[in-house]
């Protein structure tokens, strides 16, 4: 999961404090691509959980991360994703 965690394309959602769901915008994935049982999309399962290097890897910080300056400000994509996942669950 190390490579995915440090990719600007990594999107993660935490509708509940102890659950994280992830997909990759570099692979044109969205909420609908996430397997709710595993919590990961096909690209995250392949390049994160199975450790296969990703050709679309773009080093950087996910837009879903919060900053130290504004720790309570969430990116709108994360807010919308968490609302959608909450509705599905």
PDB file of N, CA and C in Angstrom:
ATOM      1  N   UNK A   1       0.823  -1.193   0.000  1.00  0.00           N
ATOM      2  CA  UNK A   1       0.000   0.000   0.000  1.00  0.00           C
ATOM      3  C   UNK A   1       0.867   1.257   0.000  1.00  0.00           C
ATOM      4  N   UNK A   2       2.148   1.075   0.233  1.00  0.00           N
ATOM      5  CA  UNK A   2       3.064   2.206   0.377  1.00  0.00           C
ATOM      6  C   UNK A   2       3.013   3.156  -0.822  1.00  0.00           C
ATOM      7  N   UNK A   3       3.048   2.607  -2.048  1.00  0.00           N
ATOM      8  CA  UNK A   3       3.059   3.472  -3.220  1.00  0.00           C
ATOM      9  C   UNK A   3       1.749   4.256  -3.332  1.00  0.00           C
ATOM     10  N   UNK A   4       0.630   3.594  -3.128  1.00  0.00           N
ATOM     11  CA  UNK A   4      -0.672   4.273  -3.219  1.00  0.00           C
ATOM     12  C   UNK A   4      -0.794   5.392  -2.175  1.00  0.00           C
ATOM     13  N   UNK A   5      -0.301   5.139  -0.985  1.00  0.00           N
ATOM     14  CA  UNK A   5      -0.414   6.134   0.089  1.00  0.00           C
ATOM     15  C   UNK A   5       0.322   7.428  -0.225  1.00  0.00           C
ATOM     16  N   UNK A   6       1.303   7.362  -1.121  1.00  0.00           N
ATOM     17  CA  UNK A   6       2.098   8.552  -1.449  1.00  0.00           C
ATOM     18  C   UNK A   6       1.853   9.039  -2.874  1.00  0.00           C
ATOM     19  N   UNK A   7       0.672   8.702  -3.417  1.00  0.00           N
ATOM     20  CA  UNK A   7       0.340   9.104  -4.788  1.00  0.00           C
ATOM     21  C   UNK A   7      -0.724  10.194  -4.760  1.00  0.00           C
ATOM     22  N   UNK A   8      -0.561  11.210  -5.591  1.00  0.00           N
ATOM     23  CA  UNK A   8      -1.535  12.300  -5.661  1.00  0.00           C
ATOM     24  C   UNK A   8      -2.884  11.823  -6.188  1.00  0.00           C
ATOM     25  N   UNK A   9      -2.914  10.646  -6.808  1.00  0.00           N
ATOM     26  CA  UNK A   9      -4.167  10.112  -7.338  1.00  0.00           C
ATOM     27  C   UNK A   9      -4.966   9.305  -6.341  1.00  0.00           C
ATOM     28  N   UNK A  10      -4.402   9.059  -5.159  1.00  0.00           N
ATOM     29  CA  UNK A  10      -5.053   8.243  -4.140  1.00  0.00           C
ATOM     30  C   UNK A  10      -6.194   9.010  -3.476  1.00  0.00           C
ATOM     31  N   UNK A  11      -7.389   8.455  -3.541  1.00  0.00           N
ATOM     32  CA  UNK A  11      -8.536   9.071  -2.884  1.00  0.00           C
ATOM     33  C   UNK A  11      -9.018   8.149  -1.777  1.00  0.00           C
ATOM     34  N   UNK A  12      -9.208   8.685  -0.591  1.00  0.00           N
ATOM     35  CA  UNK A  12      -9.713   7.854   0.495  1.00  0.00           C
ATOM     36  C   UNK A  12     -10.881   8.547   1.188  1.00  0.00           C
ATOM     37  N   UNK A  13     -11.763   7.725   1.716  1.00  0.00           N
ATOM     38  CA  UNK A  13     -12.981   8.214   2.350  1.00  0.00           C
ATOM     39  C   UNK A  13     -13.170   7.476   3.660  1.00  0.00           C
ATOM     40  N   UNK A  14     -13.580   8.194   4.700  1.00  0.00           N
ATOM     41  CA  UNK A  14     -13.782   7.606   6.018  1.00  0.00           C
ATOM     42  C   UNK A  14     -15.183   7.976   6.524  1.00  0.00           C
ATOM     43  N   UNK A  15     -16.205   7.298   5.995  1.00  0.00           N
ATOM     44  CA  UNK A  15     -17.553   7.629   6.454  1.00  0.00           C
ATOM     45  C   UNK A  15     -17.765   7.297   7.927  1.00  0.00           C
ATOM     46  N   UNK A  16     -17.022   6.324   8.416  1.00  0.00           N
ATOM     47  CA  UNK A  16     -17.021   5.966   9.836  1.00  0.00           C
ATOM     48  C   UNK A  16     -15.576   6.016  10.314  1.00  0.00           C
ATOM     49  N   UNK A  17     -15.332   6.374  11.566  1.00  0.00           N
ATOM     50  CA  UNK A  17     -13.954   6.531  12.045  1.00  0.00           C
ATOM     51  C   UNK A  17     -13.052   5.307  11.854  1.00  0.00           C
ATOM     52  N   UNK A  18     -13.603   4.100  11.954  1.00  0.00           N
ATOM     53  CA  UNK A  18     -12.756   2.899  11.873  1.00  0.00           C
ATOM     54  C   UNK A  18     -12.783   2.232  10.501  1.00  0.00           C
ATOM     55  N   UNK A  19     -13.350   2.893   9.482  1.00  0.00           N
ATOM     56  CA  UNK A  19     -13.415   2.317   8.144  1.00  0.00           C
ATOM     57  C   UNK A  19     -12.854   3.292   7.123  1.00  0.00           C
ATOM     58  N   UNK A  20     -12.038   2.764   6.207  1.00  0.00           N
ATOM     59  CA  UNK A  20     -11.485   3.579   5.133  1.00  0.00           C
ATOM     60  C   UNK A  20     -11.755   2.891   3.802  1.00  0.00           C
ATOM     61  N   UNK A  21     -12.236   3.656   2.843  1.00  0.00           N
ATOM     62  CA  UNK A  21     -12.496   3.158   1.498  1.00  0.00           C
ATOM     63  C   UNK A  21     -11.607   3.947   0.546  1.00  0.00           C
ATOM     64  N   UNK A  22     -11.046   3.285  -0.461  1.00  0.00           N
ATOM     65  CA  UNK A  22     -10.082   3.969  -1.327  1.00  0.00           C
ATOM     66  C   UNK A  22     -10.275   3.621  -2.794  1.00  0.00           C
ATOM     67  N   UNK A  23      -9.975   4.617  -3.636  1.00  0.00           N
ATOM     68  CA  UNK A  23      -9.943   4.409  -5.075  1.00  0.00           C
ATOM     69  C   UNK A  23      -8.869   5.334  -5.658  1.00  0.00           C
ATOM     70  N   UNK A  24      -8.642   5.252  -6.965  1.00  0.00           N
ATOM     71  CA  UNK A  24      -7.562   6.023  -7.585  1.00  0.00           C
ATOM     72  C   UNK A  24      -8.086   6.878  -8.733  1.00  0.00           C
ATOM     73  N   UNK A  25      -7.919   8.182  -8.621  1.00  0.00           N
ATOM     74  CA  UNK A  25      -8.374   9.063  -9.701  1.00  0.00           C
ATOM     75  C   UNK A  25      -7.469   8.981 -10.921  1.00  0.00           C
ATOM     76  N   UNK A  26      -6.227   8.554 -10.767  1.00  0.00           N
ATOM     77  CA  UNK A  26      -5.325   8.392 -11.912  1.00  0.00           C
ATOM     78  C   UNK A  26      -5.791   7.256 -12.819  1.00  0.00           C
ATOM     79  N   UNK A  27      -6.535   6.308 -12.254  1.00  0.00           N
ATOM     80  CA  UNK A  27      -7.102   5.194 -13.020  1.00  0.00           C
ATOM     81  C   UNK A  27      -8.568   5.469 -13.358  1.00  0.00           C
ATOM     82  N   UNK A  28      -8.987   6.721 -13.236  1.00  0.00           N
ATOM     83  CA  UNK A  28     -10.358   7.146 -13.529  1.00  0.00           C
ATOM     84  C   UNK A  28     -11.396   6.368 -12.730  1.00  0.00           C
ATOM     85  N   UNK A  29     -11.068   6.084 -11.481  1.00  0.00           N
ATOM     86  CA  UNK A  29     -12.002   5.376 -10.612  1.00  0.00           C
ATOM     87  C   UNK A  29     -12.774   6.370  -9.751  1.00  0.00           C
ATOM     88  N   UNK A  30     -13.921   5.915  -9.261  1.00  0.00           N
ATOM     89  CA  UNK A  30     -14.710   6.727  -8.349  1.00  0.00           C
ATOM     90  C   UNK A  30     -15.347   5.815  -7.305  1.00  0.00           C
ATOM     91  N   UNK A  31     -16.264   6.345  -6.530  1.00  0.00           N
ATOM     92  CA  UNK A  31     -16.900   5.607  -5.440  1.00  0.00           C
ATOM     93  C   UNK A  31     -17.509   4.292  -5.918  1.00  0.00           C
ATOM     94  N   UNK A  32     -18.102   4.322  -7.108  1.00  0.00           N
ATOM     95  CA  UNK A  32     -18.788   3.137  -7.630  1.00  0.00           C
ATOM     96  C   UNK A  32     -17.836   1.979  -7.920  1.00  0.00           C
ATOM     97  N   UNK A  33     -16.532   2.255  -8.046  1.00  0.00           N
ATOM     98  CA  UNK A  33     -15.549   1.206  -8.320  1.00  0.00           C
ATOM     99  C   UNK A  33     -15.062   0.501  -7.059  1.00  0.00           C
ATOM    100  N   UNK A  34     -15.389   1.042  -5.903  1.00  0.00           N
ATOM    101  CA  UNK A  34     -14.905   0.465  -4.640  1.00  0.00           C
ATOM    102  C   UNK A  34     -15.716  -0.765  -4.262  1.00  0.00           C
ATOM    103  N   UNK A  35     -15.000  -1.830  -3.935  1.00  0.00           N
ATOM    104  CA  UNK A  35     -15.637  -3.043  -3.415  1.00  0.00           C
ATOM    105  C   UNK A  35     -15.882  -2.785  -1.927  1.00  0.00           C
ATOM    106  N   UNK A  36     -17.143  -2.704  -1.528  1.00  0.00           N
ATOM    107  CA  UNK A  36     -17.466  -2.353  -0.140  1.00  0.00           C
ATOM    108  C   UNK A  36     -16.991  -3.408   0.859  1.00  0.00           C
ATOM    109  N   UNK A  37     -16.803  -4.650   0.414  1.00  0.00           N
ATOM    110  CA  UNK A  37     -16.322  -5.703   1.325  1.00  0.00           C
ATOM    111  C   UNK A  37     -14.843  -5.525   1.652  1.00  0.00           C
ATOM    112  N   UNK A  38     -14.048  -5.178   0.644  1.00  0.00           N
ATOM    113  CA  UNK A  38     -12.608  -5.003   0.875  1.00  0.00           C
ATOM    114  C   UNK A  38     -12.246  -3.557   1.194  1.00  0.00           C
ATOM    115  N   UNK A  39     -13.091  -2.613   0.746  1.00  0.00           N
ATOM    116  CA  UNK A  39     -12.811  -1.198   0.981  1.00  0.00           C
ATOM    117  C   UNK A  39     -11.869  -0.594  -0.034  1.00  0.00           C
ATOM    118  N   UNK A  40     -11.563  -1.346  -1.110  1.00  0.00           N
ATOM    119  CA  UNK A  40     -10.616  -0.853  -2.111  1.00  0.00           C
ATOM    120  C   UNK A  40     -11.140  -1.083  -3.523  1.00  0.00           C
ATOM    121  N   UNK A  41     -10.724  -0.213  -4.421  1.00  0.00           N
ATOM    122  CA  UNK A  41     -11.067  -0.345  -5.832  1.00  0.00           C
ATOM    123  C   UNK A  41     -10.078  -1.326  -6.484  1.00  0.00           C
ATOM    124  N   UNK A  42     -10.339  -1.758  -7.734  1.00  0.00           N
ATOM    125  CA  UNK A  42      -9.401  -2.675  -8.408  1.00  0.00           C
ATOM    126  C   UNK A  42      -7.968  -2.140  -8.502  1.00  0.00           C
ATOM    127  N   UNK A  43      -7.805  -0.854  -8.810  1.00  0.00           N
ATOM    128  CA  UNK A  43      -6.447  -0.295  -8.926  1.00  0.00           C
ATOM    129  C   UNK A  43      -5.731  -0.295  -7.578  1.00  0.00           C
ATOM    130  N   UNK A  44      -6.440   0.045  -6.509  1.00  0.00           N
ATOM    131  CA  UNK A  44      -5.824   0.055  -5.178  1.00  0.00           C
ATOM    132  C   UNK A  44      -5.478  -1.367  -4.752  1.00  0.00           C
ATOM    133  N   UNK A  45      -6.353  -2.321  -5.052  1.00  0.00           N
ATOM    134  CA  UNK A  45      -6.054  -3.718  -4.714  1.00  0.00           C
ATOM    135  C   UNK A  45      -4.811  -4.198  -5.454  1.00  0.00           C
ATOM    136  N   UNK A  46      -4.716  -3.844  -6.743  1.00  0.00           N
ATOM    137  CA  UNK A  46      -3.573  -4.295  -7.547  1.00  0.00           C
ATOM    138  C   UNK A  46      -2.267  -3.601  -7.155  1.00  0.00           C
ATOM    139  N   UNK A  47      -2.297  -2.283  -7.105  1.00  0.00           N
ATOM    140  CA  UNK A  47      -1.061  -1.524  -6.892  1.00  0.00           C
ATOM    141  C   UNK A  47      -0.758  -1.237  -5.426  1.00  0.00           C
ATOM    142  N   UNK A  48      -1.746  -1.374  -4.576  1.00  0.00           N
ATOM    143  CA  UNK A  48      -1.519  -1.130  -3.156  1.00  0.00           C
ATOM    144  C   UNK A  48      -1.391  -2.426  -2.383  1.00  0.00           C
ATOM    145  N   UNK A  49      -2.453  -3.222  -2.400  1.00  0.00           N
ATOM    146  CA  UNK A  49      -2.459  -4.436  -1.582  1.00  0.00           C
ATOM    147  C   UNK A  49      -1.562  -5.531  -2.147  1.00  0.00           C
ATOM    148  N   UNK A  50      -1.503  -5.663  -3.483  1.00  0.00           N
ATOM    149  CA  UNK A  50      -0.668  -6.710  -4.088  1.00  0.00           C
ATOM    150  C   UNK A  50       0.741  -6.222  -4.386  1.00  0.00           C
ATOM    151  N   UNK A  51       0.952  -4.912  -4.290  1.00  0.00           N
ATOM    152  CA  UNK A  51       2.297  -4.348  -4.420  1.00  0.00           C
ATOM    153  C   UNK A  51       2.854  -4.260  -5.826  1.00  0.00           C
ATOM    154  N   UNK A  52       2.016  -4.351  -6.862  1.00  0.00           N
ATOM    155  CA  UNK A  52       2.485  -4.211  -8.237  1.00  0.00           C
ATOM    156  C   UNK A  52       2.733  -2.730  -8.503  1.00  0.00           C
ATOM    157  N   UNK A  53       3.920  -2.376  -9.013  1.00  0.00           N
ATOM    158  CA  UNK A  53       4.215  -0.963  -9.267  1.00  0.00           C
ATOM    159  C   UNK A  53       3.260  -0.386 -10.303  1.00  0.00           C
ATOM    160  N   UNK A  54       2.860   0.853 -10.098  1.00  0.00           N
ATOM    161  CA  UNK A  54       1.860   1.503 -10.938  1.00  0.00           C
ATOM    162  C   UNK A  54       2.520   2.481 -11.914  1.00  0.00           C
ATOM    163  N   UNK A  55       2.198   2.348 -13.199  1.00  0.00           N
ATOM    164  CA  UNK A  55       2.765   3.240 -14.213  1.00  0.00           C
ATOM    165  C   UNK A  55       2.147   4.634 -14.159  1.00  0.00           C
ATOM    166  N   UNK A  56       0.996   4.769 -13.504  1.00  0.00           N
ATOM    167  CA  UNK A  56       0.327   6.069 -13.405  1.00  0.00           C
ATOM    168  C   UNK A  56       0.643   6.773 -12.087  1.00  0.00           C
ATOM    169  N   UNK A  57       1.569   6.217 -11.319  1.00  0.00           N
ATOM    170  CA  UNK A  57       1.944   6.777 -10.026  1.00  0.00           C
ATOM    171  C   UNK A  57       2.407   8.223 -10.176  1.00  0.00           C
ATOM    172  N   UNK A  58       1.838   9.118  -9.380  1.00  0.00           N
ATOM    173  CA  UNK A  58       2.238  10.524  -9.390  1.00  0.00           C
ATOM    174  C   UNK A  58       2.531  10.917  -7.952  1.00  0.00           C
ATOM    175  N   UNK A  59       3.798  11.033  -7.591  1.00  0.00           N
ATOM    176  CA  UNK A  59       4.152  11.361  -6.209  1.00  0.00           C
ATOM    177  C   UNK A  59       3.442  12.628  -5.745  1.00  0.00           C
ATOM    178  N   UNK A  60       3.011  12.589  -4.536  1.00  0.00           N
ATOM    179  CA  UNK A  60       2.350  13.759  -3.982  1.00  0.00           C
ATOM    180  C   UNK A  60       1.377  13.385  -2.884  1.00  0.00           C
ATOM    181  N   UNK A  61       0.603  14.364  -2.473  1.00  0.00           N
ATOM    182  CA  UNK A  61      -0.336  14.195  -1.372  1.00  0.00           C
ATOM    183  C   UNK A  61      -1.759  14.121  -1.923  1.00  0.00           C
ATOM    184  N   UNK A  62      -2.531  13.209  -1.414  1.00  0.00           N
ATOM    185  CA  UNK A  62      -3.920  13.058  -1.824  1.00  0.00           C
ATOM    186  C   UNK A  62      -4.719  14.316  -1.497  1.00  0.00           C
ATOM    187  N   UNK A  63      -5.680  14.646  -2.349  1.00  0.00           N
ATOM    188  CA  UNK A  63      -6.546  15.794  -2.076  1.00  0.00           C
ATOM    189  C   UNK A  63      -7.444  15.515  -0.869  1.00  0.00           C
ATOM    190  N   UNK A  64      -7.529  14.246  -0.462  1.00  0.00           N
ATOM    191  CA  UNK A  64      -8.366  13.875   0.684  1.00  0.00           C
ATOM    192  C   UNK A  64      -7.668  14.128   2.028  1.00  0.00           C
ATOM    193  N   UNK A  65      -6.370  14.367   1.988  1.00  0.00           N
ATOM    194  CA  UNK A  65      -5.626  14.628   3.230  1.00  0.00           C
ATOM    195  C   UNK A  65      -5.941  16.030   3.752  1.00  0.00           C
ATOM    196  N   UNK A  66      -5.874  16.170   5.048  1.00  0.00           N
ATOM    197  CA  UNK A  66      -6.038  17.487   5.653  1.00  0.00           C
ATOM    198  C   UNK A  66      -4.657  18.095   5.873  1.00  0.00           C
ATOM    199  N   UNK A  67      -4.613  19.392   6.005  1.00  0.00           N
ATOM    200  CA  UNK A  67      -3.328  20.046   6.249  1.00  0.00           C
ATOM    201  C   UNK A  67      -3.182  20.350   7.738  1.00  0.00           C
ATOM    202  N   UNK A  68      -1.969  20.607   8.151  1.00  0.00           N
ATOM    203  CA  UNK A  68      -1.714  20.948   9.555  1.00  0.00           C
ATOM    204  C   UNK A  68      -2.309  22.314   9.893  1.00  0.00           C
ATOM    205  N   UNK A  69      -2.379  23.190   8.906  1.00  0.00           N
ATOM    206  CA  UNK A  69      -2.911  24.533   9.117  1.00  0.00           C
ATOM    207  C   UNK A  69      -4.433  24.498   9.301  1.00  0.00           C
ATOM    208  N   UNK A  70      -5.109  23.665   8.489  1.00  0.00           N
ATOM    209  CA  UNK A  70      -6.575  23.558   8.568  1.00  0.00           C
ATOM    210  C   UNK A  70      -6.975  22.085   8.722  1.00  0.00           C
ATOM    211  N   UNK A  71      -6.769  21.514   9.900  1.00  0.00           N
ATOM    212  CA  UNK A  71      -7.015  20.080  10.090  1.00  0.00           C
ATOM    213  C   UNK A  71      -8.477  19.651   9.985  1.00  0.00           C
ATOM    214  N   UNK A  72      -9.416  20.588  10.073  1.00  0.00           N
ATOM    215  CA  UNK A  72     -10.827  20.226  10.002  1.00  0.00           C
ATOM    216  C   UNK A  72     -11.458  20.551   8.650  1.00  0.00           C
ATOM    217  N   UNK A  73     -10.674  21.091   7.732  1.00  0.00           N
ATOM    218  CA  UNK A  73     -11.174  21.419   6.400  1.00  0.00           C
ATOM    219  C   UNK A  73     -10.961  20.224   5.469  1.00  0.00           C
ATOM    220  N   UNK A  74     -12.065  19.633   5.000  1.00  0.00           N
ATOM    221  CA  UNK A  74     -11.990  18.491   4.095  1.00  0.00           C
ATOM    222  C   UNK A  74     -12.282  18.941   2.669  1.00  0.00           C
ATOM    223  N   UNK A  75     -11.596  18.324   1.717  1.00  0.00           N
ATOM    224  CA  UNK A  75     -11.812  18.621   0.307  1.00  0.00           C
ATOM    225  C   UNK A  75     -13.245  18.220  -0.069  1.00  0.00           C
ATOM    226  N   UNK A  76     -13.928  19.009  -0.900  1.00  0.00           N
ATOM    227  CA  UNK A  76     -15.304  18.690  -1.283  1.00  0.00           C
ATOM    228  C   UNK A  76     -15.480  17.287  -1.878  1.00  0.00           C
ATOM    229  N   UNK A  77     -14.478  16.792  -2.601  1.00  0.00           N
ATOM    230  CA  UNK A  77     -14.568  15.440  -3.181  1.00  0.00           C
ATOM    231  C   UNK A  77     -14.659  14.389  -2.076  1.00  0.00           C
ATOM    232  N   UNK A  78     -13.919  14.596  -1.006  1.00  0.00           N
ATOM    233  CA  UNK A  78     -13.970  13.654   0.109  1.00  0.00           C
ATOM    234  C   UNK A  78     -15.315  13.737   0.832  1.00  0.00           C
ATOM    235  N   UNK A  79     -15.812  14.945   1.042  1.00  0.00           N
ATOM    236  CA  UNK A  79     -17.098  15.128   1.725  1.00  0.00           C
ATOM    237  C   UNK A  79     -18.213  14.452   0.930  1.00  0.00           C
ATOM    238  N   UNK A  80     -18.254  14.692  -0.375  1.00  0.00           N
ATOM    239  CA  UNK A  80     -19.285  14.084  -1.226  1.00  0.00           C
ATOM    240  C   UNK A  80     -19.153  12.573  -1.266  1.00  0.00           C
ATOM    241  N   UNK A  81     -17.916  12.078  -1.348  1.00  0.00           N
ATOM    242  CA  UNK A  81     -17.682  10.638  -1.360  1.00  0.00           C
ATOM    243  C   UNK A  81     -18.139   9.965  -0.070  1.00  0.00           C
ATOM    244  N   UNK A  82     -17.866  10.603   1.037  1.00  0.00           N
ATOM    245  CA  UNK A  82     -18.275  10.033   2.326  1.00  0.00           C
ATOM    246  C   UNK A  82     -19.789  10.051   2.481  1.00  0.00           C
ATOM    247  N   UNK A  83     -20.460  11.065   1.953  1.00  0.00           N
ATOM    248  CA  UNK A  83     -21.921  11.103   1.982  1.00  0.00           C
ATOM    249  C   UNK A  83     -22.487   9.958   1.141  1.00  0.00           C
ATOM    250  N   UNK A  84     -21.909   9.764  -0.041  1.00  0.00           N
ATOM    251  CA  UNK A  84     -22.387   8.710  -0.934  1.00  0.00           C
ATOM    252  C   UNK A  84     -22.168   7.323  -0.328  1.00  0.00           C
ATOM    253  N   UNK A  85     -21.007   7.120   0.265  1.00  0.00           N
ATOM    254  CA  UNK A  85     -20.737   5.830   0.911  1.00  0.00           C
ATOM    255  C   UNK A  85     -21.653   5.592   2.102  1.00  0.00           C
ATOM    256  N   UNK A  86     -21.928   6.617   2.866  1.00  0.00           N
ATOM    257  CA  UNK A  86     -22.840   6.488   4.003  1.00  0.00           C
ATOM    258  C   UNK A  86     -24.229   6.071   3.537  1.00  0.00           C
ATOM    259  N   UNK A  87     -24.673   6.616   2.415  1.00  0.00           N
ATOM    260  CA  UNK A  87     -25.980   6.263   1.870  1.00  0.00           C
ATOM    261  C   UNK A  87     -26.001   4.804   1.396  1.00  0.00           C
ATOM    262  N   UNK A  88     -24.890   4.322   0.832  1.00  0.00           N
ATOM    263  CA  UNK A  88     -24.806   2.938   0.365  1.00  0.00           C
ATOM    264  C   UNK A  88     -24.773   1.941   1.514  1.00  0.00           C
ATOM    265  N   UNK A  89     -24.195   2.371   2.625  1.00  0.00           N
ATOM    266  CA  UNK A  89     -24.061   1.474   3.769  1.00  0.00           C
ATOM    267  C   UNK A  89     -25.341   1.511   4.555  1.00  0.00           C
TER     268      UNK A  89
END
